[in-house]
Amino acid sequence: MKRGRKKGRLYPQIKERIYKVVKKYPGASTYEVSMKAKVSWSTAQKYLRALKRNDKIKSRKRGKKSIWF
């Protein structure tokens, strides 16, 4: 019996935590979101992209940075 999550599935607790950070700090970069949500940069990036795909948040590029709203 396997434990954990299936590949491609996201943890709802982390998704909710990242969503709350973006709503509390609009205009935050991926790095800032990752620090405030206490997850790695790559985890934050994955969940932010998923939230953007579901039209929950929006992003803009500012130079090399992605800014999330």
PDB file of N, CA and C in Angstrom:
ATOM      1  N   MET A   1       0.841  -1.184   0.000  1.00  0.00           N
ATOM      2  CA  MET A   1       0.000   0.000   0.000  1.00  0.00           C
ATOM      3  C   MET A   1       0.882   1.242   0.000  1.00  0.00           C
ATOM      4  N   LYS A   2       0.656   2.125  -0.972  1.00  0.00           N
ATOM      5  CA  LYS A   2       1.438   3.345  -1.068  1.00  0.00           C
ATOM      6  C   LYS A   2       0.915   4.396  -0.108  1.00  0.00           C
ATOM      7  N   ARG A   3       1.839   5.207   0.357  1.00  0.00           N
ATOM      8  CA  ARG A   3       1.462   6.322   1.222  1.00  0.00           C
ATOM      9  C   ARG A   3       1.759   7.621   0.492  1.00  0.00           C
ATOM     10  N   GLY A   4       1.199   8.708   0.964  1.00  0.00           N
ATOM     11  CA  GLY A   4       1.466  10.009   0.358  1.00  0.00           C
ATOM     12  C   GLY A   4       0.470  10.344  -0.732  1.00  0.00           C
ATOM     13  N   ARG A   5       0.857  11.244  -1.579  1.00  0.00           N
ATOM     14  CA  ARG A   5      -0.052  11.705  -2.624  1.00  0.00           C
ATOM     15  C   ARG A   5       0.345  11.115  -3.965  1.00  0.00           C
ATOM     16  N   LYS A   6      -0.585  11.131  -4.892  1.00  0.00           N
ATOM     17  CA  LYS A   6      -0.311  10.678  -6.249  1.00  0.00           C
ATOM     18  C   LYS A   6       0.402  11.778  -7.003  1.00  0.00           C
ATOM     19  N   LYS A   7       1.193  11.400  -7.984  1.00  0.00           N
ATOM     20  CA  LYS A   7       1.939  12.375  -8.778  1.00  0.00           C
ATOM     21  C   LYS A   7       0.972  13.334  -9.464  1.00  0.00           C
ATOM     22  N   GLY A   8       1.303  14.609  -9.392  1.00  0.00           N
ATOM     23  CA  GLY A   8       0.479  15.618 -10.040  1.00  0.00           C
ATOM     24  C   GLY A   8      -0.593  16.219  -9.145  1.00  0.00           C
ATOM     25  N   ARG A   9      -0.838  15.618  -8.005  1.00  0.00           N
ATOM     26  CA  ARG A   9      -1.837  16.159  -7.080  1.00  0.00           C
ATOM     27  C   ARG A   9      -1.185  17.147  -6.137  1.00  0.00           C
ATOM     28  N   LEU A  10      -1.953  18.142  -5.724  1.00  0.00           N
ATOM     29  CA  LEU A  10      -1.434  19.170  -4.834  1.00  0.00           C
ATOM     30  C   LEU A  10      -2.079  19.055  -3.459  1.00  0.00           C
ATOM     31  N   TYR A  11      -1.329  19.432  -2.435  1.00  0.00           N
ATOM     32  CA  TYR A  11      -1.862  19.431  -1.074  1.00  0.00           C
ATOM     33  C   TYR A  11      -2.739  20.665  -0.877  1.00  0.00           C
ATOM     34  N   PRO A  12      -3.997  20.483  -0.493  1.00  0.00           N
ATOM     35  CA  PRO A  12      -4.890  21.645  -0.326  1.00  0.00           C
ATOM     36  C   PRO A  12      -4.441  22.592   0.789  1.00  0.00           C
ATOM     37  N   GLN A  13      -3.762  22.073   1.827  1.00  0.00           N
ATOM     38  CA  GLN A  13      -3.317  22.939   2.923  1.00  0.00           C
ATOM     39  C   GLN A  13      -2.268  23.938   2.438  1.00  0.00           C
ATOM     40  N   ILE A  14      -1.332  23.468   1.618  1.00  0.00           N
ATOM     41  CA  ILE A  14      -0.290  24.350   1.104  1.00  0.00           C
ATOM     42  C   ILE A  14      -0.894  25.337   0.112  1.00  0.00           C
ATOM     43  N   LYS A  15      -1.791  24.856  -0.721  1.00  0.00           N
ATOM     44  CA  LYS A  15      -2.447  25.718  -1.707  1.00  0.00           C
ATOM     45  C   LYS A  15      -3.188  26.859  -1.013  1.00  0.00           C
ATOM     46  N   GLU A  16      -3.903  26.547   0.052  1.00  0.00           N
ATOM     47  CA  GLU A  16      -4.660  27.550   0.804  1.00  0.00           C
ATOM     48  C   GLU A  16      -3.718  28.539   1.489  1.00  0.00           C
ATOM     49  N   ARG A  17      -2.628  28.040   2.056  1.00  0.00           N
ATOM     50  CA  ARG A  17      -1.658  28.907   2.727  1.00  0.00           C
ATOM     51  C   ARG A  17      -1.045  29.907   1.733  1.00  0.00           C
ATOM     52  N   ILE A  18      -0.675  29.429   0.554  1.00  0.00           N
ATOM     53  CA  ILE A  18      -0.081  30.293  -0.464  1.00  0.00           C
ATOM     54  C   ILE A  18      -1.111  31.295  -0.976  1.00  0.00           C
ATOM     55  N   TYR A  19      -2.347  30.858  -1.163  1.00  0.00           N
ATOM     56  CA  TYR A  19      -3.420  31.755  -1.617  1.00  0.00           C
ATOM     57  C   TYR A  19      -3.636  32.886  -0.602  1.00  0.00           C
ATOM     58  N   LYS A  20      -3.634  32.558   0.684  1.00  0.00           N
ATOM     59  CA  LYS A  20      -3.832  33.573   1.724  1.00  0.00           C
ATOM     60  C   LYS A  20      -2.683  34.577   1.743  1.00  0.00           C
ATOM     61  N   VAL A  21      -1.460  34.102   1.526  1.00  0.00           N
ATOM     62  CA  VAL A  21      -0.298  35.000   1.496  1.00  0.00           C
ATOM     63  C   VAL A  21      -0.423  35.987   0.340  1.00  0.00           C
ATOM     64  N   VAL A  22      -0.823  35.499  -0.834  1.00  0.00           N
ATOM     65  CA  VAL A  22      -0.950  36.380  -2.003  1.00  0.00           C
ATOM     66  C   VAL A  22      -2.040  37.422  -1.772  1.00  0.00           C
ATOM     67  N   LYS A  23      -3.139  37.015  -1.163  1.00  0.00           N
ATOM     68  CA  LYS A  23      -4.225  37.964  -0.897  1.00  0.00           C
ATOM     69  C   LYS A  23      -3.831  38.987   0.171  1.00  0.00           C
ATOM     70  N   LYS A  24      -3.030  38.560   1.139  1.00  0.00           N
ATOM     71  CA  LYS A  24      -2.603  39.474   2.199  1.00  0.00           C
ATOM     72  C   LYS A  24      -1.509  40.421   1.712  1.00  0.00           C
ATOM     73  N   TYR A  25      -0.646  39.946   0.809  1.00  0.00           N
ATOM     74  CA  TYR A  25       0.467  40.743   0.300  1.00  0.00           C
ATOM     75  C   TYR A  25       0.415  40.809  -1.226  1.00  0.00           C
ATOM     76  N   PRO A  26      -0.542  41.532  -1.810  1.00  0.00           N
ATOM     77  CA  PRO A  26      -0.595  41.624  -3.280  1.00  0.00           C
ATOM     78  C   PRO A  26       0.651  42.322  -3.807  1.00  0.00           C
ATOM     79  N   GLY A  27       1.169  41.831  -4.919  1.00  0.00           N
ATOM     80  CA  GLY A  27       2.376  42.395  -5.494  1.00  0.00           C
ATOM     81  C   GLY A  27       3.639  41.720  -5.000  1.00  0.00           C
ATOM     82  N   ALA A  28       3.487  40.631  -4.240  1.00  0.00           N
ATOM     83  CA  ALA A  28       4.644  39.906  -3.718  1.00  0.00           C
ATOM     84  C   ALA A  28       5.263  39.047  -4.817  1.00  0.00           C
ATOM     85  N   SER A  29       6.578  38.920  -4.782  1.00  0.00           N
ATOM     86  CA  SER A  29       7.277  38.068  -5.744  1.00  0.00           C
ATOM     87  C   SER A  29       7.168  36.608  -5.289  1.00  0.00           C
ATOM     88  N   THR A  30       7.580  35.702  -6.148  1.00  0.00           N
ATOM     89  CA  THR A  30       7.548  34.281  -5.811  1.00  0.00           C
ATOM     90  C   THR A  30       8.400  34.015  -4.573  1.00  0.00           C
ATOM     91  N   TYR A  31       9.560  34.642  -4.501  1.00  0.00           N
ATOM     92  CA  TYR A  31      10.450  34.468  -3.353  1.00  0.00           C
ATOM     93  C   TYR A  31       9.777  34.953  -2.067  1.00  0.00           C
ATOM     94  N   GLU A  32       9.145  36.110  -2.109  1.00  0.00           N
ATOM     95  CA  GLU A  32       8.473  36.648  -0.927  1.00  0.00           C
ATOM     96  C   GLU A  32       7.321  35.754  -0.486  1.00  0.00           C
ATOM     97  N   VAL A  33       6.563  35.243  -1.444  1.00  0.00           N
ATOM     98  CA  VAL A  33       5.464  34.329  -1.115  1.00  0.00           C
ATOM     99  C   VAL A  33       6.024  33.066  -0.458  1.00  0.00           C
ATOM    100  N   SER A  34       7.112  32.537  -1.002  1.00  0.00           N
ATOM    101  CA  SER A  34       7.690  31.309  -0.448  1.00  0.00           C
ATOM    102  C   SER A  34       8.183  31.532   0.980  1.00  0.00           C
ATOM    103  N   MET A  35       8.780  32.681   1.254  1.00  0.00           N
ATOM    104  CA  MET A  35       9.270  32.968   2.604  1.00  0.00           C
ATOM    105  C   MET A  35       8.121  33.120   3.594  1.00  0.00           C
ATOM    106  N   LYS A  36       7.072  33.822   3.186  1.00  0.00           N
ATOM    107  CA  LYS A  36       5.944  34.051   4.097  1.00  0.00           C
ATOM    108  C   LYS A  36       5.106  32.790   4.319  1.00  0.00           C
ATOM    109  N   ALA A  37       5.018  31.925   3.297  1.00  0.00           N
ATOM    110  CA  ALA A  37       4.253  30.681   3.427  1.00  0.00           C
ATOM    111  C   ALA A  37       5.106  29.548   4.004  1.00  0.00           C
ATOM    112  N   LYS A  38       6.404  29.805   4.170  1.00  0.00           N
ATOM    113  CA  LYS A  38       7.344  28.822   4.728  1.00  0.00           C
ATOM    114  C   LYS A  38       7.401  27.539   3.904  1.00  0.00           C
ATOM    115  N   VAL A  39       7.564  27.736   2.591  1.00  0.00           N
ATOM    116  CA  VAL A  39       7.769  26.614   1.668  1.00  0.00           C
ATOM    117  C   VAL A  39       8.956  26.968   0.774  1.00  0.00           C
ATOM    118  N   SER A  40       9.475  25.990   0.058  1.00  0.00           N
ATOM    119  CA  SER A  40      10.593  26.270  -0.845  1.00  0.00           C
ATOM    120  C   SER A  40      10.107  27.093  -2.035  1.00  0.00           C
ATOM    121  N   TRP A  41      11.075  27.724  -2.727  1.00  0.00           N
ATOM    122  CA  TRP A  41      10.736  28.543  -3.891  1.00  0.00           C
ATOM    123  C   TRP A  41      10.048  27.710  -4.962  1.00  0.00           C
ATOM    124  N   SER A  42      10.562  26.509  -5.222  1.00  0.00           N
ATOM    125  CA  SER A  42       9.985  25.673  -6.282  1.00  0.00           C
ATOM    126  C   SER A  42       8.574  25.210  -5.931  1.00  0.00           C
ATOM    127  N   THR A  43       8.321  24.942  -4.653  1.00  0.00           N
ATOM    128  CA  THR A  43       6.970  24.568  -4.217  1.00  0.00           C
ATOM    129  C   THR A  43       6.024  25.753  -4.394  1.00  0.00           C
ATOM    130  N   ALA A  44       6.472  26.924  -3.998  1.00  0.00           N
ATOM    131  CA  ALA A  44       5.643  28.126  -4.166  1.00  0.00           C
ATOM    132  C   ALA A  44       5.333  28.360  -5.639  1.00  0.00           C
ATOM    133  N   GLN A  45       6.341  28.217  -6.492  1.00  0.00           N
ATOM    134  CA  GLN A  45       6.152  28.420  -7.932  1.00  0.00           C
ATOM    135  C   GLN A  45       5.112  27.447  -8.486  1.00  0.00           C
ATOM    136  N   LYS A  46       5.194  26.184  -8.085  1.00  0.00           N
ATOM    137  CA  LYS A  46       4.262  25.159  -8.565  1.00  0.00           C
ATOM    138  C   LYS A  46       2.823  25.489  -8.157  1.00  0.00           C
ATOM    139  N   TYR A  47       2.631  25.869  -6.898  1.00  0.00           N
ATOM    140  CA  TYR A  47       1.283  26.162  -6.414  1.00  0.00           C
ATOM    141  C   TYR A  47       0.761  27.485  -6.970  1.00  0.00           C
ATOM    142  N   LEU A  48       1.627  28.474  -7.138  1.00  0.00           N
ATOM    143  CA  LEU A  48       1.208  29.746  -7.721  1.00  0.00           C
ATOM    144  C   LEU A  48       0.747  29.548  -9.168  1.00  0.00           C
ATOM    145  N   ARG A  49       1.468  28.739  -9.913  1.00  0.00           N
ATOM    146  CA  ARG A  49       1.050  28.454 -11.295  1.00  0.00           C
ATOM    147  C   ARG A  49      -0.283  27.716 -11.330  1.00  0.00           C
ATOM    148  N   ALA A  50      -0.492  26.800 -10.392  1.00  0.00           N
ATOM    149  CA  ALA A  50      -1.768  26.075 -10.330  1.00  0.00           C
ATOM    150  C   ALA A  50      -2.912  27.031 -10.003  1.00  0.00           C
ATOM    151  N   LEU A  51      -2.687  27.948  -9.068  1.00  0.00           N
ATOM    152  CA  LEU A  51      -3.714  28.929  -8.720  1.00  0.00           C
ATOM    153  C   LEU A  51      -4.001  29.857  -9.903  1.00  0.00           C
ATOM    154  N   LYS A  52      -2.968  30.210 -10.649  1.00  0.00           N
ATOM    155  CA  LYS A  52      -3.160  31.055 -11.829  1.00  0.00           C
ATOM    156  C   LYS A  52      -3.962  30.307 -12.897  1.00  0.00           C
ATOM    157  N   ARG A  53      -3.662  29.031 -13.099  1.00  0.00           N
ATOM    158  CA  ARG A  53      -4.398  28.222 -14.076  1.00  0.00           C
ATOM    159  C   ARG A  53      -5.878  28.144 -13.734  1.00  0.00           C
ATOM    160  N   ASN A  54      -6.202  28.132 -12.446  1.00  0.00           N
ATOM    161  CA  ASN A  54      -7.597  28.062 -11.993  1.00  0.00           C
ATOM    162  C   ASN A  54      -8.239  29.446 -11.850  1.00  0.00           C
ATOM    163  N   ASP A  55      -7.556  30.483 -12.338  1.00  0.00           N
ATOM    164  CA  ASP A  55      -8.047  31.871 -12.292  1.00  0.00           C
ATOM    165  C   ASP A  55      -8.320  32.390 -10.885  1.00  0.00           C
ATOM    166  N   LYS A  56      -7.563  31.902  -9.900  1.00  0.00           N
ATOM    167  CA  LYS A  56      -7.706  32.404  -8.529  1.00  0.00           C
ATOM    168  C   LYS A  56      -6.840  33.637  -8.305  1.00  0.00           C
ATOM    169  N   ILE A  57      -5.679  33.695  -8.974  1.00  0.00           N
ATOM    170  CA  ILE A  57      -4.766  34.826  -8.851  1.00  0.00           C
ATOM    171  C   ILE A  57      -4.265  35.223 -10.237  1.00  0.00           C
ATOM    172  N   LYS A  58      -3.630  36.378 -10.295  1.00  0.00           N
ATOM    173  CA  LYS A  58      -3.045  36.871 -11.546  1.00  0.00           C
ATOM    174  C   LYS A  58      -1.572  37.174 -11.299  1.00  0.00           C
ATOM    175  N   SER A  59      -0.815  37.261 -12.391  1.00  0.00           N
ATOM    176  CA  SER A  59       0.595  37.592 -12.251  1.00  0.00           C
ATOM    177  C   SER A  59       1.027  38.553 -13.344  1.00  0.00           C
ATOM    178  N   ARG A  60       2.126  39.228 -13.078  1.00  0.00           N
ATOM    179  CA  ARG A  60       2.786  40.100 -14.053  1.00  0.00           C
ATOM    180  C   ARG A  60       4.276  39.848 -13.946  1.00  0.00           C
ATOM    181  N   LYS A  61       4.967  40.060 -15.049  1.00  0.00           N
ATOM    182  CA  LYS A  61       6.418  39.954 -15.041  1.00  0.00           C
ATOM    183  C   LYS A  61       6.988  41.351 -14.838  1.00  0.00           C
ATOM    184  N   ARG A  62       7.925  41.453 -13.939  1.00  0.00           N
ATOM    185  CA  ARG A  62       8.641  42.704 -13.728  1.00  0.00           C
ATOM    186  C   ARG A  62      10.124  42.361 -13.788  1.00  0.00           C
ATOM    187  N   GLY A  63      10.679  42.535 -14.986  1.00  0.00           N
ATOM    188  CA  GLY A  63      12.043  42.080 -15.222  1.00  0.00           C
ATOM    189  C   GLY A  63      12.050  40.561 -15.244  1.00  0.00           C
ATOM    190  N   LYS A  64      12.868  39.955 -14.403  1.00  0.00           N
ATOM    191  CA  LYS A  64      12.908  38.491 -14.307  1.00  0.00           C
ATOM    192  C   LYS A  64      11.909  37.958 -13.266  1.00  0.00           C
ATOM    193  N   LYS A  65      11.360  38.844 -12.453  1.00  0.00           N
ATOM    194  CA  LYS A  65      10.484  38.426 -11.364  1.00  0.00           C
ATOM    195  C   LYS A  65       9.027  38.300 -11.806  1.00  0.00           C
ATOM    196  N   SER A  66       8.330  37.363 -11.189  1.00  0.00           N
ATOM    197  CA  SER A  66       6.879  37.273 -11.328  1.00  0.00           C
ATOM    198  C   SER A  66       6.263  37.910 -10.092  1.00  0.00           C
ATOM    199  N   ILE A  67       5.341  38.815 -10.314  1.00  0.00           N
ATOM    200  CA  ILE A  67       4.635  39.502  -9.234  1.00  0.00           C
ATOM    201  C   ILE A  67       3.213  38.960  -9.206  1.00  0.00           C
ATOM    202  N   TRP A  68       2.725  38.568  -8.042  1.00  0.00           N
ATOM    203  CA  TRP A  68       1.434  37.886  -7.913  1.00  0.00           C
ATOM    204  C   TRP A  68       0.409  38.761  -7.233  1.00  0.00           C
ATOM    205  N   PHE A  69      -0.841  38.741  -7.756  1.00  0.00           N
ATOM    206  CA  PHE A  69      -1.971  39.519  -7.220  1.00  0.00           C
ATOM    207  C   PHE A  69      -3.162  38.620  -7.001  1.00  0.00           C
TER     208      PHE A  69
END
